[in-house]
Protein backbone atom coordinates (compact mmCIF):
# COMPACT_ATOMS: atom_id res chain seq x y z
CA MET A 1 -7.02 -4.45 43.48
CA ARG A 2 -5.33 -1.98 40.79
CA ARG A 3 -2.20 -3.01 38.94
CA SER A 4 0.78 -0.30 39.10
CA ASN A 5 1.82 -1.47 35.59
CA THR A 6 -0.98 -0.13 33.44
CA GLN A 7 -0.17 1.54 29.88
CA LYS A 8 -2.54 3.21 27.31
CA LEU A 9 -3.46 0.71 24.66
CA SER A 10 -1.97 2.72 21.85
CA GLU A 11 1.41 2.30 23.52
CA VAL A 12 0.88 -1.59 23.80
CA LEU A 13 -0.09 -1.73 20.37
CA ARG A 14 2.88 0.43 18.97
CA ASP A 15 5.16 -1.82 21.18
CA TYR A 16 3.63 -4.97 19.72
CA ILE A 17 3.87 -3.51 16.22
CA GLU A 18 7.53 -2.87 16.65
CA GLU A 19 8.66 -6.02 18.16
CA ASN A 20 6.96 -7.84 15.61
CA LYS A 21 8.17 -5.65 12.91
CA LEU A 22 4.69 -5.06 11.28
CA GLN A 23 5.01 -1.44 10.51
CA LYS A 24 6.16 -2.14 6.68
CA LYS A 25 3.37 -4.69 6.18
CA LEU A 26 0.64 -1.92 7.76
CA THR A 27 1.93 0.67 5.28
CA GLU A 28 1.61 -1.73 2.50
CA ILE A 29 -2.35 -2.38 3.48
CA ASP A 30 -2.58 1.27 3.95
CA LEU A 31 -1.28 1.89 0.61
CA ILE A 32 -3.41 -0.62 -1.04
CA ALA A 33 -6.57 0.84 0.54
CA SER A 34 -5.77 4.42 -0.90
CA TRP A 35 -5.13 2.98 -4.37
CA GLU A 36 -8.20 4.70 -5.36
CA GLN A 37 -7.54 7.89 -3.79
CA VAL A 38 -3.90 7.89 -5.75
CA VAL A 39 -5.26 6.73 -9.33
CA GLY A 40 -8.99 7.77 -9.42
CA LYS A 41 -12.26 6.28 -9.52
CA THR A 42 -12.17 5.10 -13.43
CA ILE A 43 -8.81 3.29 -13.10
CA ALA A 44 -9.68 1.74 -9.75
CA ARG A 45 -12.90 0.47 -11.16
CA TYR A 46 -11.11 -1.79 -13.97
CA THR A 47 -8.64 -2.76 -11.16
CA GLU A 48 -9.48 -6.37 -10.13
CA SER A 49 -6.56 -7.11 -7.50
CA LEU A 50 -3.71 -5.53 -6.03
CA ARG A 51 -0.72 -7.15 -4.12
CA ILE A 52 2.53 -5.91 -2.78
CA SER A 53 5.70 -8.31 -2.61
CA ASN A 54 9.30 -7.42 -1.87
CA GLY A 55 8.73 -3.95 -3.05
CA THR A 56 7.01 -4.93 -6.25
CA LEU A 57 3.49 -3.88 -6.72
CA PHE A 58 1.37 -6.42 -8.70
CA VAL A 59 -1.81 -4.70 -10.37
CA LYS A 60 -4.30 -7.18 -12.19
CA THR A 61 -6.68 -5.04 -14.67
CA SER A 62 -9.86 -6.17 -16.46
CA SER A 63 -8.94 -3.82 -19.45
CA PRO A 64 -6.09 -4.59 -21.70
CA ALA A 65 -6.27 -0.85 -22.88
CA LEU A 66 -6.04 0.51 -19.49
CA ARG A 67 -3.26 -1.89 -18.81
CA SER A 68 -1.24 -0.21 -21.82
CA GLU A 69 -1.88 3.36 -20.35
CA LEU A 70 -0.76 2.24 -17.03
CA VAL A 71 2.36 0.60 -18.33
CA MET A 72 3.00 4.35 -19.68
CA MET A 73 2.56 6.09 -16.53
CA LYS A 74 4.22 3.39 -14.38
CA GLU A 75 7.13 5.91 -12.95
CA GLN A 76 4.27 8.70 -12.21
CA LEU A 77 2.28 6.19 -10.46
CA LYS A 78 5.64 4.76 -8.46
CA ALA A 79 6.16 8.62 -7.47
CA ARG A 80 2.68 8.93 -6.27
CA LEU A 81 2.34 5.74 -4.55
CA ASN A 82 5.69 6.41 -2.55
CA GLU A 83 4.70 9.69 -1.83
CA GLN A 84 1.35 8.25 -0.38
CA ALA A 85 3.32 6.04 1.80
CA GLY A 86 5.63 8.46 2.98
CA GLU A 87 8.61 6.19 2.00
CA GLN A 88 10.33 4.66 -0.57
CA LEU A 89 7.89 1.38 -0.60
CA ILE A 90 7.23 0.65 -4.21
CA ARG A 91 10.42 -0.25 -6.52
CA GLU A 92 8.50 -2.00 -9.19
CA ILE A 93 5.09 -2.06 -10.50
CA ILE A 94 4.13 -5.13 -12.72
CA PHE A 95 0.48 -5.11 -14.57
CA ARG A 96 -1.35 -8.06 -15.75
């Protein structure tokens, strides 16, 4: 027997994401995954970890010189990351 209430998998997933308010977290994950695309391979190579919490991006780098350079580029990076996300997701960046 075939059920009459069949739905497309994409619709079921979209409904699940909406019901559980997961869209923002998924956007954060996508943004972290696109870090290399936004900053380039050289900077990404010296980046040890990325984490987003309450609109703040925490970036841990292995190079103090790069950290200083990134601090000076903070506003540009914020703008590029938010453009990549398609919304105002990152309000602050903290480099460690």
